[in-house]
């Protein structure tokens, strides 16, 4: 069991996932017990505001370009499919969309967020179990906003998503890698019922917005951007060059492994 101060340190170093905060916000208890990966920690209700203020400065950097592209499709009867390279910021964007919905009057009780990379949802591994879970958490009234992160981890997820549109008043957002999502039945079962948004790594303009530095030397920052690239994870924390290269190398190895070692 870890305390709040250590929790904040682990959060700043990226050990604890920001996506966990959506569950913390729904707790009505004075002291909440939460699990993230292999860590168990407690947060008092009085610390929630402090926690959210810190979250804003750590990872939830705005990406207005993509929010503006998705906004016209909010509440429209098409599935919003967010794809992109690993660690390009798909999960963070989904959380930003959650914030956008709440800022525009949607109750958090009407929003369901599931990250399928979390062990919390390991039992949701089929279309049937996904459908059952979503129905079980359906709000009593109002539109249901369903946010599914890395949904390709669920077998035949397309059938469940198709049923959601048929059986309830909902607005659906899903994320996943380009190859795994679009090589599935998505293009046939859901043809004409989804719109895709491809998330890129940070542009130089976005990179500048991620910096916590007061540097006015744009030329220097551009050289740094060329050296380190645009993966958000690199610029959300203060990594030195060697550590940044290690992270980038591991990302590329993960991406290339299915090509060099096909099943």
C-alpha atoms as a PDB file:
ATOM      1  CA  UNK A   1       0.000   0.000   0.000  1.00  0.00           C
ATOM      2  CA  UNK A   2       1.419   3.396  -0.965  1.00  0.00           C
ATOM      3  CA  UNK A   3       0.418   6.861   0.222  1.00  0.00           C
ATOM      4  CA  UNK A   4      -0.626   9.947  -1.695  1.00  0.00           C
ATOM      5  CA  UNK A   5       2.801  11.637  -1.803  1.00  0.00           C
ATOM      6  CA  UNK A   6       4.495   8.579  -3.264  1.00  0.00           C
ATOM      7  CA  UNK A   7       1.580   8.182  -5.662  1.00  0.00           C
ATOM      8  CA  UNK A   8       2.259  11.691  -7.006  1.00  0.00           C
ATOM      9  CA  UNK A   9       5.933  10.908  -7.521  1.00  0.00           C
ATOM     10  CA  UNK A  10       5.114   7.713  -9.408  1.00  0.00           C
ATOM     11  CA  UNK A  11       2.553   9.590 -11.492  1.00  0.00           C
ATOM     12  CA  UNK A  12       5.108  12.229 -12.498  1.00  0.00           C
ATOM     13  CA  UNK A  13       7.550   9.534 -13.603  1.00  0.00           C
ATOM     14  CA  UNK A  14       4.889   7.767 -15.682  1.00  0.00           C
ATOM     15  CA  UNK A  15       4.725   4.627 -13.512  1.00  0.00           C
ATOM     16  CA  UNK A  16       1.020   5.155 -12.841  1.00  0.00           C
ATOM     17  CA  UNK A  17      -1.339   5.671 -15.773  1.00  0.00           C
ATOM     18  CA  UNK A  18      -3.309   8.908 -16.040  1.00  0.00           C
ATOM     19  CA  UNK A  19      -6.295   6.909 -17.340  1.00  0.00           C
ATOM     20  CA  UNK A  20      -6.782   5.641 -13.798  1.00  0.00           C
ATOM     21  CA  UNK A  21      -7.973   9.097 -12.757  1.00  0.00           C
ATOM     22  CA  UNK A  22     -11.343   8.582 -14.463  1.00  0.00           C
ATOM     23  CA  UNK A  23     -12.116   5.919 -11.857  1.00  0.00           C
ATOM     24  CA  UNK A  24     -10.892   8.042  -8.952  1.00  0.00           C
ATOM     25  CA  UNK A  25     -13.206  10.898  -9.947  1.00  0.00           C
ATOM     26  CA  UNK A  26     -16.247   8.654  -9.530  1.00  0.00           C
ATOM     27  CA  UNK A  27     -15.441   7.659  -5.954  1.00  0.00           C
ATOM     28  CA  UNK A  28     -17.810   9.001  -3.342  1.00  0.00           C
ATOM     29  CA  UNK A  29     -15.815   7.657  -0.410  1.00  0.00           C
ATOM     30  CA  UNK A  30     -13.708   9.759   1.939  1.00  0.00           C
ATOM     31  CA  UNK A  31     -10.828   7.346   1.400  1.00  0.00           C
ATOM     32  CA  UNK A  32     -10.632   5.391  -1.847  1.00  0.00           C
ATOM     33  CA  UNK A  33      -8.593   2.240  -2.424  1.00  0.00           C
ATOM     34  CA  UNK A  34      -7.349   1.823  -5.992  1.00  0.00           C
ATOM     35  CA  UNK A  35      -5.185  -0.569  -7.958  1.00  0.00           C
ATOM     36  CA  UNK A  36      -2.945   0.296 -10.909  1.00  0.00           C
ATOM     37  CA  UNK A  37      -0.825  -2.454 -12.456  1.00  0.00           C
ATOM     38  CA  UNK A  38       0.744  -4.118  -9.386  1.00  0.00           C
ATOM     39  CA  UNK A  39       0.374  -1.113  -7.073  1.00  0.00           C
ATOM     40  CA  UNK A  40      -2.316  -0.521  -4.462  1.00  0.00           C
ATOM     41  CA  UNK A  41      -2.748   2.980  -3.072  1.00  0.00           C
ATOM     42  CA  UNK A  42      -5.197   5.150  -1.164  1.00  0.00           C
ATOM     43  CA  UNK A  43      -6.412   8.661  -1.935  1.00  0.00           C
ATOM     44  CA  UNK A  44      -8.470  10.832   0.386  1.00  0.00           C
ATOM     45  CA  UNK A  45     -11.396  12.726  -1.056  1.00  0.00           C
ATOM     46  CA  UNK A  46      -9.822  16.036   0.050  1.00  0.00           C
ATOM     47  CA  UNK A  47      -6.819  15.337  -2.226  1.00  0.00           C
ATOM     48  CA  UNK A  48      -8.841  14.848  -5.417  1.00  0.00           C
ATOM     49  CA  UNK A  49      -8.712  18.518  -6.532  1.00  0.00           C
ATOM     50  CA  UNK A  50      -4.958  18.631  -5.930  1.00  0.00           C
ATOM     51  CA  UNK A  51      -4.563  15.472  -7.958  1.00  0.00           C
ATOM     52  CA  UNK A  52      -6.500  16.798 -10.951  1.00  0.00           C
ATOM     53  CA  UNK A  53      -4.501  20.045 -10.947  1.00  0.00           C
ATOM     54  CA  UNK A  54      -1.273  18.040 -11.134  1.00  0.00           C
ATOM     55  CA  UNK A  55      -2.654  15.793 -13.877  1.00  0.00           C
ATOM     56  CA  UNK A  56      -3.306  18.816 -16.086  1.00  0.00           C
ATOM     57  CA  UNK A  57       0.376  19.725 -15.952  1.00  0.00           C
ATOM     58  CA  UNK A  58       1.823  16.233 -16.367  1.00  0.00           C
ATOM     59  CA  UNK A  59       0.362  14.527 -19.364  1.00  0.00           C
ATOM     60  CA  UNK A  60      -2.989  15.852 -20.415  1.00  0.00           C
ATOM     61  CA  UNK A  61      -1.554  18.321 -22.880  1.00  0.00           C
ATOM     62  CA  UNK A  62      -4.090  19.790 -25.271  1.00  0.00           C
ATOM     63  CA  UNK A  63      -4.072  18.646 -28.899  1.00  0.00           C
ATOM     64  CA  UNK A  64      -6.617  21.075 -30.343  1.00  0.00           C
ATOM     65  CA  UNK A  65      -5.960  20.041 -33.959  1.00  0.00           C
ATOM     66  CA  UNK A  66      -7.494  16.607 -33.374  1.00  0.00           C
ATOM     67  CA  UNK A  67     -10.231  17.773 -31.016  1.00  0.00           C
ATOM     68  CA  UNK A  68     -11.343  20.238 -33.718  1.00  0.00           C
ATOM     69  CA  UNK A  69     -11.433  17.436 -36.307  1.00  0.00           C
ATOM     70  CA  UNK A  70     -13.516  15.149 -34.074  1.00  0.00           C
ATOM     71  CA  UNK A  71     -15.857  17.826 -32.677  1.00  0.00           C
ATOM     72  CA  UNK A  72     -18.174  17.987 -35.759  1.00  0.00           C
ATOM     73  CA  UNK A  73     -18.877  14.262 -35.360  1.00  0.00           C
ATOM     74  CA  UNK A  74     -19.795  14.349 -31.651  1.00  0.00           C
ATOM     75  CA  UNK A  75     -23.359  13.036 -31.168  1.00  0.00           C
ATOM     76  CA  UNK A  76     -23.492  11.975 -34.815  1.00  0.00           C
ATOM     77  CA  UNK A  77     -24.496   8.346 -35.603  1.00  0.00           C
ATOM     78  CA  UNK A  78     -21.025   7.260 -36.726  1.00  0.00           C
ATOM     79  CA  UNK A  79     -18.339   5.456 -34.743  1.00  0.00           C
ATOM     80  CA  UNK A  80     -15.282   7.626 -34.176  1.00  0.00           C
ATOM     81  CA  UNK A  81     -12.204   5.442 -34.815  1.00  0.00           C
ATOM     82  CA  UNK A  82      -8.906   6.876 -33.557  1.00  0.00           C
ATOM     83  CA  UNK A  83      -5.858   5.117 -34.984  1.00  0.00           C
ATOM     84  CA  UNK A  84      -2.145   5.805 -35.047  1.00  0.00           C
ATOM     85  CA  UNK A  85       1.329   4.536 -34.311  1.00  0.00           C
ATOM     86  CA  UNK A  86       2.034   3.162 -30.829  1.00  0.00           C
ATOM     87  CA  UNK A  87       2.638   5.910 -28.228  1.00  0.00           C
ATOM     88  CA  UNK A  88       1.375   8.638 -30.556  1.00  0.00           C
ATOM     89  CA  UNK A  89      -1.106   9.824 -27.930  1.00  0.00           C
ATOM     90  CA  UNK A  90      -4.323   7.946 -28.784  1.00  0.00           C
ATOM     91  CA  UNK A  91      -5.192   7.152 -25.155  1.00  0.00           C
ATOM     92  CA  UNK A  92      -4.444  10.701 -24.008  1.00  0.00           C
ATOM     93  CA  UNK A  93      -6.655  12.054 -26.800  1.00  0.00           C
ATOM     94  CA  UNK A  94      -9.490   9.786 -25.683  1.00  0.00           C
ATOM     95  CA  UNK A  95      -9.198  11.231 -22.170  1.00  0.00           C
ATOM     96  CA  UNK A  96      -9.171  14.742 -23.617  1.00  0.00           C
ATOM     97  CA  UNK A  97     -12.388  13.872 -25.448  1.00  0.00           C
ATOM     98  CA  UNK A  98     -13.847  12.710 -22.152  1.00  0.00           C
ATOM     99  CA  UNK A  99     -12.949  16.085 -20.622  1.00  0.00           C
ATOM    100  CA  UNK A 100     -14.418  17.856 -23.657  1.00  0.00           C
ATOM    101  CA  UNK A 101     -17.729  16.015 -23.239  1.00  0.00           C
ATOM    102  CA  UNK A 102     -17.945  16.844 -19.541  1.00  0.00           C
ATOM    103  CA  UNK A 103     -17.056  20.491 -20.172  1.00  0.00           C
ATOM    104  CA  UNK A 104     -19.970  20.586 -22.609  1.00  0.00           C
ATOM    105  CA  UNK A 105     -22.545  19.340 -20.140  1.00  0.00           C
ATOM    106  CA  UNK A 106     -22.302  15.539 -20.309  1.00  0.00           C
ATOM    107  CA  UNK A 107     -22.486  13.904 -16.882  1.00  0.00           C
ATOM    108  CA  UNK A 108     -19.630  11.551 -16.005  1.00  0.00           C
ATOM    109  CA  UNK A 109     -22.349   9.000 -15.185  1.00  0.00           C
ATOM    110  CA  UNK A 110     -23.170   8.896 -18.894  1.00  0.00           C
ATOM    111  CA  UNK A 111     -19.563   8.262 -19.942  1.00  0.00           C
ATOM    112  CA  UNK A 112     -17.982   4.815 -19.891  1.00  0.00           C
ATOM    113  CA  UNK A 113     -14.210   4.653 -20.419  1.00  0.00           C
ATOM    114  CA  UNK A 114     -12.458   1.278 -20.712  1.00  0.00           C
ATOM    115  CA  UNK A 115      -8.723   0.791 -21.276  1.00  0.00           C
ATOM    116  CA  UNK A 116      -8.258  -2.790 -22.439  1.00  0.00           C
ATOM    117  CA  UNK A 117      -4.550  -2.710 -21.617  1.00  0.00           C
ATOM    118  CA  UNK A 118      -5.469  -2.537 -17.937  1.00  0.00           C
ATOM    119  CA  UNK A 119      -5.707  -5.768 -15.943  1.00  0.00           C
ATOM    120  CA  UNK A 120      -8.907  -4.394 -14.454  1.00  0.00           C
ATOM    121  CA  UNK A 121     -10.700  -5.362 -17.677  1.00  0.00           C
ATOM    122  CA  UNK A 122      -8.847  -8.588 -18.451  1.00  0.00           C
ATOM    123  CA  UNK A 123     -12.077 -10.607 -18.208  1.00  0.00           C
ATOM    124  CA  UNK A 124     -13.650  -8.577 -21.014  1.00  0.00           C
ATOM    125  CA  UNK A 125     -12.143 -10.634 -23.805  1.00  0.00           C
ATOM    126  CA  UNK A 126     -15.060 -11.333 -26.148  1.00  0.00           C
ATOM    127  CA  UNK A 127     -17.888  -9.515 -27.887  1.00  0.00           C
ATOM    128  CA  UNK A 128     -20.388 -11.085 -25.477  1.00  0.00           C
ATOM    129  CA  UNK A 129     -18.536 -10.068 -22.303  1.00  0.00           C
ATOM    130  CA  UNK A 130     -17.974  -6.547 -23.661  1.00  0.00           C
ATOM    131  CA  UNK A 131     -21.651  -6.174 -24.531  1.00  0.00           C
ATOM    132  CA  UNK A 132     -22.698  -7.413 -21.073  1.00  0.00           C
ATOM    133  CA  UNK A 133     -20.341  -5.017 -19.279  1.00  0.00           C
ATOM    134  CA  UNK A 134     -21.481  -2.001 -21.300  1.00  0.00           C
ATOM    135  CA  UNK A 135     -25.166  -2.839 -20.779  1.00  0.00           C
ATOM    136  CA  UNK A 136     -24.572  -3.344 -17.045  1.00  0.00           C
ATOM    137  CA  UNK A 137     -23.132   0.190 -16.720  1.00  0.00           C
ATOM    138  CA  UNK A 138     -25.689   1.881 -18.955  1.00  0.00           C
ATOM    139  CA  UNK A 139     -27.100   5.110 -17.423  1.00  0.00           C
ATOM    140  CA  UNK A 140     -30.779   5.312 -16.524  1.00  0.00           C
ATOM    141  CA  UNK A 141     -31.394   8.154 -18.965  1.00  0.00           C
ATOM    142  CA  UNK A 142     -29.643  10.316 -21.542  1.00  0.00           C
ATOM    143  CA  UNK A 143     -27.200   9.485 -24.316  1.00  0.00           C
ATOM    144  CA  UNK A 144     -24.531   6.928 -23.451  1.00  0.00           C
ATOM    145  CA  UNK A 145     -20.951   7.877 -24.389  1.00  0.00           C
ATOM    146  CA  UNK A 146     -18.778   4.779 -24.839  1.00  0.00           C
ATOM    147  CA  UNK A 147     -14.978   5.222 -25.007  1.00  0.00           C
ATOM    148  CA  UNK A 148     -13.039   2.028 -25.733  1.00  0.00           C
ATOM    149  CA  UNK A 149      -9.238   2.242 -25.606  1.00  0.00           C
ATOM    150  CA  UNK A 150      -7.207  -0.424 -27.492  1.00  0.00           C
ATOM    151  CA  UNK A 151     -10.415  -2.265 -28.326  1.00  0.00           C
ATOM    152  CA  UNK A 152      -8.656  -4.699 -30.693  1.00  0.00           C
ATOM    153  CA  UNK A 153      -7.699  -6.702 -27.590  1.00  0.00           C
ATOM    154  CA  UNK A 154     -11.304  -7.936 -27.450  1.00  0.00           C
ATOM    155  CA  UNK A 155     -12.152 -10.808 -29.786  1.00  0.00           C
ATOM    156  CA  UNK A 156     -14.861  -9.878 -32.325  1.00  0.00           C
ATOM    157  CA  UNK A 157     -15.291  -6.462 -30.715  1.00  0.00           C
ATOM    158  CA  UNK A 158     -16.891  -5.246 -33.954  1.00  0.00           C
ATOM    159  CA  UNK A 159     -20.028  -7.277 -33.268  1.00  0.00           C
ATOM    160  CA  UNK A 160     -20.464  -5.748 -29.822  1.00  0.00           C
ATOM    161  CA  UNK A 161     -19.951  -2.207 -31.143  1.00  0.00           C
ATOM    162  CA  UNK A 162     -22.433  -2.860 -33.931  1.00  0.00           C
ATOM    163  CA  UNK A 163     -24.987  -4.031 -31.345  1.00  0.00           C
ATOM    164  CA  UNK A 164     -24.475  -0.920 -29.214  1.00  0.00           C
ATOM    165  CA  UNK A 165     -25.621   1.246 -32.099  1.00  0.00           C
ATOM    166  CA  UNK A 166     -28.657  -0.957 -32.686  1.00  0.00           C
ATOM    167  CA  UNK A 167     -29.735  -1.431 -29.056  1.00  0.00           C
ATOM    168  CA  UNK A 168     -29.139   1.923 -27.363  1.00  0.00           C
ATOM    169  CA  UNK A 169     -28.836   5.679 -27.796  1.00  0.00           C
ATOM    170  CA  UNK A 170     -25.071   6.007 -27.737  1.00  0.00           C
ATOM    171  CA  UNK A 171     -22.038   7.803 -29.106  1.00  0.00           C
ATOM    172  CA  UNK A 172     -18.988   5.557 -29.606  1.00  0.00           C
ATOM    173  CA  UNK A 173     -15.256   6.350 -29.680  1.00  0.00           C
ATOM    174  CA  UNK A 174     -12.607   3.657 -30.076  1.00  0.00           C
ATOM    175  CA  UNK A 175      -8.815   3.600 -30.363  1.00  0.00           C
ATOM    176  CA  UNK A 176      -6.332   1.070 -31.695  1.00  0.00           C
ATOM    177  CA  UNK A 177      -3.400   0.589 -34.030  1.00  0.00           C
ATOM    178  CA  UNK A 178      -3.997   1.109 -37.746  1.00  0.00           C
ATOM    179  CA  UNK A 179      -3.105  -2.432 -38.806  1.00  0.00           C
ATOM    180  CA  UNK A 180      -4.961  -4.307 -36.074  1.00  0.00           C
ATOM    181  CA  UNK A 181      -8.178  -2.330 -36.337  1.00  0.00           C
ATOM    182  CA  UNK A 182      -8.498  -1.887 -40.077  1.00  0.00           C
ATOM    183  CA  UNK A 183      -7.410  -5.411 -40.961  1.00  0.00           C
ATOM    184  CA  UNK A 184     -10.336  -6.737 -38.941  1.00  0.00           C
ATOM    185  CA  UNK A 185     -13.983  -6.931 -39.959  1.00  0.00           C
ATOM    186  CA  UNK A 186     -14.366  -3.215 -39.287  1.00  0.00           C
ATOM    187  CA  UNK A 187     -14.239  -2.324 -42.960  1.00  0.00           C
ATOM    188  CA  UNK A 188     -17.061  -4.740 -43.797  1.00  0.00           C
ATOM    189  CA  UNK A 189     -19.302  -5.163 -40.733  1.00  0.00           C
ATOM    190  CA  UNK A 190     -19.291  -1.428 -39.975  1.00  0.00           C
ATOM    191  CA  UNK A 191     -18.847  -0.099 -43.515  1.00  0.00           C
ATOM    192  CA  UNK A 192     -20.296   3.384 -43.869  1.00  0.00           C
ATOM    193  CA  UNK A 193     -20.878   3.661 -40.122  1.00  0.00           C
ATOM    194  CA  UNK A 194     -17.503   4.898 -38.912  1.00  0.00           C
ATOM    195  CA  UNK A 195     -15.078   7.749 -39.522  1.00  0.00           C
ATOM    196  CA  UNK A 196     -11.332   7.382 -38.938  1.00  0.00           C
ATOM    197  CA  UNK A 197      -8.953   9.909 -37.384  1.00  0.00           C
ATOM    198  CA  UNK A 198      -5.243   9.125 -37.730  1.00  0.00           C
ATOM    199  CA  UNK A 199      -3.175  10.521 -34.855  1.00  0.00           C
ATOM    200  CA  UNK A 200       0.374  11.520 -35.730  1.00  0.00           C
ATOM    201  CA  UNK A 201       3.278  12.166 -33.406  1.00  0.00           C
ATOM    202  CA  UNK A 202       3.732  15.789 -32.362  1.00  0.00           C
ATOM    203  CA  UNK A 203       4.203  18.438 -35.007  1.00  0.00           C
ATOM    204  CA  UNK A 204       6.793  21.085 -34.191  1.00  0.00           C
ATOM    205  CA  UNK A 205       3.997  23.479 -33.200  1.00  0.00           C
ATOM    206  CA  UNK A 206       2.565  20.884 -30.814  1.00  0.00           C
ATOM    207  CA  UNK A 207       6.042  20.110 -29.520  1.00  0.00           C
ATOM    208  CA  UNK A 208       6.486  23.770 -28.527  1.00  0.00           C
ATOM    209  CA  UNK A 209       3.185  23.669 -26.638  1.00  0.00           C
ATOM    210  CA  UNK A 210       4.378  20.611 -24.696  1.00  0.00           C
ATOM    211  CA  UNK A 211       7.507  22.343 -23.421  1.00  0.00           C
ATOM    212  CA  UNK A 212       7.644  23.600 -19.872  1.00  0.00           C
ATOM    213  CA  UNK A 213      10.639  25.766 -20.785  1.00  0.00           C
ATOM    214  CA  UNK A 214      10.612  29.552 -21.155  1.00  0.00           C
ATOM    215  CA  UNK A 215      13.199  29.353 -23.937  1.00  0.00           C
ATOM    216  CA  UNK A 216      12.701  31.855 -26.760  1.00  0.00           C
ATOM    217  CA  UNK A 217      15.298  30.219 -29.006  1.00  0.00           C
ATOM    218  CA  UNK A 218      13.067  28.570 -31.625  1.00  0.00           C
ATOM    219  CA  UNK A 219      16.065  27.443 -33.688  1.00  0.00           C
ATOM    220  CA  UNK A 220      17.511  25.608 -30.681  1.00  0.00           C
ATOM    221  CA  UNK A 221      14.147  23.994 -29.937  1.00  0.00           C
ATOM    222  CA  UNK A 222      13.785  22.921 -33.577  1.00  0.00           C
ATOM    223  CA  UNK A 223      17.151  21.158 -33.460  1.00  0.00           C
ATOM    224  CA  UNK A 224      16.034  19.442 -30.242  1.00  0.00           C
ATOM    225  CA  UNK A 225      12.800  18.414 -31.955  1.00  0.00           C
ATOM    226  CA  UNK A 226      14.752  16.952 -34.905  1.00  0.00           C
ATOM    227  CA  UNK A 227      16.984  15.076 -32.499  1.00  0.00           C
ATOM    228  CA  UNK A 228      14.287  13.596 -30.254  1.00  0.00           C
ATOM    229  CA  UNK A 229      11.298  13.361 -32.598  1.00  0.00           C
ATOM    230  CA  UNK A 230       7.652  13.876 -31.765  1.00  0.00           C
ATOM    231  CA  UNK A 231       6.534  11.032 -29.501  1.00  0.00           C
ATOM    232  CA  UNK A 232       4.450  12.725 -26.753  1.00  0.00           C
ATOM    233  CA  UNK A 233       5.842  10.459 -24.023  1.00  0.00           C
ATOM    234  CA  UNK A 234       9.331  11.901 -24.607  1.00  0.00           C
ATOM    235  CA  UNK A 235       8.204  15.486 -24.145  1.00  0.00           C
ATOM    236  CA  UNK A 236       5.739  14.899 -21.297  1.00  0.00           C
ATOM    237  CA  UNK A 237       8.606  14.109 -18.923  1.00  0.00           C
ATOM    238  CA  UNK A 238      12.140  15.418 -18.490  1.00  0.00           C
ATOM    239  CA  UNK A 239      14.197  12.675 -20.128  1.00  0.00           C
ATOM    240  CA  UNK A 240      17.840  13.125 -21.048  1.00  0.00           C
ATOM    241  CA  UNK A 241      18.896  12.273 -24.610  1.00  0.00           C
ATOM    242  CA  UNK A 242      20.109   8.736 -23.821  1.00  0.00           C
ATOM    243  CA  UNK A 243      16.890   7.848 -21.982  1.00  0.00           C
ATOM    244  CA  UNK A 244      14.772   9.341 -24.773  1.00  0.00           C
ATOM    245  CA  UNK A 245      16.645   7.299 -27.395  1.00  0.00           C
ATOM    246  CA  UNK A 246      16.117   4.154 -25.328  1.00  0.00           C
ATOM    247  CA  UNK A 247      12.345   4.741 -25.243  1.00  0.00           C
ATOM    248  CA  UNK A 248      12.187   5.545 -28.965  1.00  0.00           C
ATOM    249  CA  UNK A 249      14.263   2.479 -29.838  1.00  0.00           C
ATOM    250  CA  UNK A 250      11.943   0.239 -27.819  1.00  0.00           C
ATOM    251  CA  UNK A 251       8.907   1.708 -29.602  1.00  0.00           C
ATOM    252  CA  UNK A 252      10.407   0.981 -33.026  1.00  0.00           C
ATOM    253  CA  UNK A 253      11.416  -2.545 -32.021  1.00  0.00           C
ATOM    254  CA  UNK A 254       7.820  -3.194 -30.960  1.00  0.00           C
ATOM    255  CA  UNK A 255       6.541  -1.832 -34.270  1.00  0.00           C
ATOM    256  CA  UNK A 256       8.971  -3.787 -36.433  1.00  0.00           C
ATOM    257  CA  UNK A 257       8.770  -7.088 -34.577  1.00  0.00           C
ATOM    258  CA  UNK A 258       5.554  -8.305 -36.306  1.00  0.00           C
ATOM    259  CA  UNK A 259       7.226  -7.602 -39.674  1.00  0.00           C
ATOM    260  CA  UNK A 260      10.604  -9.220 -38.980  1.00  0.00           C
ATOM    261  CA  UNK A 261       9.093 -12.114 -36.999  1.00  0.00           C
ATOM    262  CA  UNK A 262       5.716 -12.936 -38.597  1.00  0.00           C
ATOM    263  CA  UNK A 263       3.576 -15.598 -36.988  1.00  0.00           C
END
